[in-house]
C-alpha cells in the first residue's frame, strides 16, 4: 500500500511459493512501515517467477508471444501460475 500524494510506502507483503500439483490456499500478510499515513493506492501483483521486476512496464516489455523471425511461430518460456478465488480483505 502506498500514499502517492506523499510518495510513501505504507505496507508491503509477499509470499514465495514452491511448485505443487494441486491448488493450495495461502495468505499474504502485510508488514506496515507507517501507521500514521492513510493509503491512496493498493498495488497487487502476481508473478510466476521470483526474478521479476516491481516495474509493470519492464514486465510488459519482457513478454514475447510471437517470434520476430516468423510472425506465425508462438514462443512461450518460463513458469506457469494459476490463480483461483482471489480475495482482498481490507478494512
Protein backbone atom coordinates (compact mmCIF):
# COMPACT_ATOMS: atom_id res chain seq x y z
CA UNK A 1 0.00 0.00 0.00
CA UNK A 2 1.19 3.47 -0.69
CA UNK A 3 0.27 7.10 -0.39
CA UNK A 4 1.16 8.61 -3.74
CA UNK A 5 0.38 12.14 -2.60
CA UNK A 6 3.25 11.93 -0.11
CA UNK A 7 5.28 9.30 -2.05
CA UNK A 8 5.33 6.94 0.95
CA UNK A 9 5.16 3.14 1.01
CA UNK A 10 2.88 2.24 3.90
CA UNK A 11 2.92 -1.56 3.80
CA UNK A 12 4.38 -4.40 1.75
CA UNK A 13 3.89 -8.14 1.67
CA UNK A 14 4.91 -11.09 -0.45
CA UNK A 15 4.88 -14.86 -0.43
CA UNK A 16 7.34 -17.17 -2.17
CA UNK A 17 5.65 -20.44 -3.11
CA UNK A 18 7.08 -23.78 -4.18
CA UNK A 19 5.82 -25.89 -7.07
CA UNK A 20 2.78 -28.03 -6.23
CA UNK A 21 0.42 -30.31 -8.16
CA UNK A 22 -2.88 -29.03 -6.72
CA UNK A 23 -4.33 -25.73 -5.63
CA UNK A 24 -3.32 -24.65 -2.14
CA UNK A 25 -4.73 -21.81 -0.06
CA UNK A 26 -2.34 -19.19 1.26
CA UNK A 27 -2.49 -15.70 2.70
CA UNK A 28 -0.11 -12.80 2.31
CA UNK A 29 0.30 -10.64 5.40
CA UNK A 30 1.27 -7.00 5.08
CA UNK A 31 4.18 -5.55 7.02
CA UNK A 32 3.26 -1.99 7.94
CA UNK A 33 6.03 0.59 7.95
CA UNK A 34 3.84 3.62 8.63
CA UNK A 35 0.57 3.58 10.55
CA UNK A 36 0.04 7.35 10.57
CA UNK A 37 -0.45 7.93 6.84
CA UNK A 38 -3.62 6.85 5.04
CA UNK A 39 -3.07 4.86 1.81
CA UNK A 40 -4.26 6.25 -1.51
CA UNK A 41 -3.35 3.22 -3.66
CA UNK A 42 -3.05 -0.52 -3.38
CA UNK A 43 -0.94 -2.43 -5.90
CA UNK A 44 -1.40 -6.20 -6.24
CA UNK A 45 0.98 -8.13 -8.50
CA UNK A 46 1.18 -11.85 -9.22
CA UNK A 47 4.18 -13.36 -10.97
CA UNK A 48 5.28 -16.90 -11.76
CA UNK A 49 8.95 -16.06 -11.28
CA UNK A 50 10.89 -14.74 -8.32
CA UNK A 51 13.16 -12.94 -10.79
CA UNK A 52 10.51 -10.45 -11.82
CA UNK A 53 10.55 -6.69 -11.61
CA UNK A 54 8.30 -4.50 -9.48
CA UNK A 55 8.01 -2.23 -12.52
CA UNK A 56 4.98 -3.23 -14.63
CA UNK A 57 6.30 -1.62 -17.83
CA UNK A 58 9.53 -3.67 -17.56
CA UNK A 59 7.46 -6.85 -17.23
CA UNK A 60 5.26 -5.95 -20.19
CA UNK A 61 8.27 -5.19 -22.39
CA UNK A 62 9.90 -8.52 -21.47
CA UNK A 63 6.92 -10.60 -22.68
CA UNK A 64 7.46 -12.27 -26.06
CA UNK A 65 4.49 -14.00 -27.63
CA UNK A 66 5.48 -14.10 -31.31
CA UNK A 67 8.83 -14.81 -32.90
CA UNK A 68 10.24 -11.76 -34.66
CA UNK A 69 11.61 -14.07 -37.39
CA UNK A 70 8.25 -15.60 -38.30
CA UNK A 71 5.04 -13.96 -37.15
CA UNK A 72 3.25 -17.31 -37.04
CA UNK A 73 5.51 -19.05 -34.51
CA UNK A 74 4.46 -18.60 -30.89
CA UNK A 75 7.09 -18.55 -28.17
CA UNK A 76 6.46 -19.33 -24.53
CA UNK A 77 9.12 -19.93 -21.91
CA UNK A 78 9.16 -19.87 -18.16
CA UNK A 79 6.88 -20.77 -15.29
CA UNK A 80 3.13 -21.11 -15.14
CA UNK A 81 0.99 -19.63 -12.41
CA UNK A 82 -2.68 -20.49 -11.90
CA UNK A 83 -4.81 -18.32 -9.60
CA UNK A 84 -8.33 -19.04 -8.41
CA UNK A 85 -10.74 -17.42 -5.97
CA UNK A 86 -8.66 -14.37 -5.10
CA UNK A 87 -10.00 -12.30 -2.22
CA UNK A 88 -8.90 -8.92 -0.94
CA UNK A 89 -9.95 -8.29 2.65
CA UNK A 90 -9.23 -4.69 3.58
CA UNK A 91 -10.81 -2.74 6.39
